[in-house]
């Protein structure tokens, strides 16, 4: 049996493309939703519980020579909290615009870390 040429062959190729297009139209949004849900879940796991921050006193940490915001975050959070989250919370609690800290500076650290 010979392969049909011309218009009929083109129509078969078009059907194949249309089927792939339909599958991609379904699969792409589903994958995007899965990624979005996983991202929201990961962020929720990294943040403290809703009521933990209300009325809480801050712990103070004195910056030593050679300390960086990252090293302080690692020391305080250990392996249980992402250092990026701790750095951001320290910056927010102290009104620090960037990661510049200096020896002798007293930093307020949220106690829920």
Protein backbone atom coordinates (compact mmCIF):
# COMPACT_ATOMS: atom_id res chain seq x y z
CA UNK A 1 0.00 0.00 0.00
CA UNK A 2 1.35 3.36 -0.97
CA UNK A 3 1.35 6.38 1.25
CA UNK A 4 -1.15 8.98 0.25
CA UNK A 5 0.38 12.21 -0.91
CA UNK A 6 -0.96 15.66 -1.29
CA UNK A 7 -3.86 17.09 0.69
CA UNK A 8 -4.75 13.88 2.53
CA UNK A 9 -1.16 13.49 3.82
CA UNK A 10 -1.15 17.09 4.99
CA UNK A 11 -4.44 16.59 6.83
CA UNK A 12 -2.99 13.60 8.72
CA UNK A 13 0.01 15.69 9.80
CA UNK A 14 -2.33 18.46 10.91
CA UNK A 15 -4.33 16.01 13.04
CA UNK A 16 -1.15 14.81 14.71
CA UNK A 17 -0.15 18.42 15.48
CA UNK A 18 -3.63 19.22 16.78
CA UNK A 19 -3.59 16.22 19.13
CA UNK A 20 -0.20 17.25 20.50
CA UNK A 21 -1.44 20.81 20.87
CA UNK A 22 -4.50 19.64 22.85
CA UNK A 23 -2.36 17.52 25.15
CA UNK A 24 0.01 20.43 25.79
CA UNK A 25 -2.92 22.74 26.52
CA UNK A 26 -4.00 20.39 29.30
CA UNK A 27 -0.62 19.27 30.67
CA UNK A 28 1.02 22.72 30.87
CA UNK A 29 -1.55 24.34 33.22
CA UNK A 30 -1.66 21.21 35.38
CA UNK A 31 2.14 21.28 35.77
CA UNK A 32 2.03 25.00 36.53
CA UNK A 33 -0.58 24.43 39.24
CA UNK A 34 1.49 21.66 40.80
CA UNK A 35 4.59 23.88 40.88
CA UNK A 36 2.58 26.77 42.37
CA UNK A 37 1.10 24.53 45.08
CA UNK A 38 4.52 23.12 45.99
CA UNK A 39 5.97 26.63 46.19
CA UNK A 40 3.20 27.83 48.50
CA UNK A 41 3.62 24.74 50.66
CA UNK A 42 7.42 25.22 50.91
CA UNK A 43 7.05 28.87 51.90
CA UNK A 44 4.41 27.99 54.48
CA UNK A 45 6.74 25.40 56.01
CA UNK A 46 9.56 27.93 56.29
CA UNK A 47 7.51 30.63 58.04
CA UNK A 48 6.49 30.52 61.70
CA UNK A 49 2.94 29.68 62.71
CA UNK A 50 0.47 32.56 62.51
CA UNK A 51 0.13 33.21 66.24
CA UNK A 52 3.79 32.71 67.12
CA UNK A 53 4.83 36.28 66.27
CA UNK A 54 2.15 38.15 68.20
CA UNK A 55 3.39 39.90 71.34
CA UNK A 56 6.71 38.06 71.29
CA UNK A 57 9.81 39.63 72.80
CA UNK A 58 12.98 39.67 70.74
CA UNK A 59 16.26 38.02 71.69
CA UNK A 60 19.36 40.16 71.23
CA UNK A 61 22.57 39.07 69.56
CA UNK A 62 25.78 41.13 69.61
CA UNK A 63 27.71 41.01 66.33
CA UNK A 64 31.28 39.75 66.77
CA UNK A 65 34.23 40.58 64.49
CA UNK A 66 34.03 38.41 61.38
CA UNK A 67 30.31 37.75 61.75
CA UNK A 68 28.02 38.07 58.75
CA UNK A 69 24.27 38.08 58.68
CA UNK A 70 24.48 34.64 57.07
CA UNK A 71 26.77 33.20 59.78
CA UNK A 72 24.50 34.56 62.51
CA UNK A 73 21.46 33.07 60.76
CA UNK A 74 23.20 29.68 60.47
CA UNK A 75 24.22 29.80 64.14
CA UNK A 76 20.73 30.74 65.33
CA UNK A 77 18.64 28.61 62.97
CA UNK A 78 20.92 25.59 62.80
CA UNK A 79 19.75 22.90 60.39
CA UNK A 80 16.06 23.29 61.19
CA UNK A 81 15.47 26.68 59.49
CA UNK A 82 16.56 27.96 56.08
CA UNK A 83 19.25 30.67 56.64
CA UNK A 84 17.68 32.84 53.92
CA UNK A 85 14.46 33.03 55.92
CA UNK A 86 16.35 33.81 59.15
CA UNK A 87 18.40 36.55 57.42
CA UNK A 88 15.24 38.16 56.08
CA UNK A 89 13.56 38.04 59.50
CA UNK A 90 16.60 39.57 61.21
CA UNK A 91 16.79 42.30 58.55
CA UNK A 92 13.08 43.01 58.93
CA UNK A 93 13.21 43.09 62.75
CA UNK A 94 16.15 45.51 62.73
CA UNK A 95 15.24 47.70 59.77
CA UNK A 96 18.38 46.71 57.88
CA UNK A 97 18.15 47.51 54.15
CA UNK A 98 21.07 45.27 53.13
CA UNK A 99 23.35 42.70 54.73
CA UNK A 100 25.78 45.27 56.20
CA UNK A 101 26.41 44.71 59.91
CA UNK A 102 29.37 45.70 62.07
CA UNK A 103 31.05 44.37 65.23
CA UNK A 104 29.34 45.51 68.41
CA UNK A 105 25.98 46.03 66.70
CA UNK A 106 23.06 44.64 68.70
CA UNK A 107 20.57 42.75 66.56
CA UNK A 108 17.06 41.84 67.58
CA UNK A 109 16.27 38.25 66.63
CA UNK A 110 12.74 36.83 66.66
CA UNK A 111 12.51 34.12 69.38
CA UNK A 112 10.53 31.71 67.19
CA UNK A 113 13.57 30.94 65.04
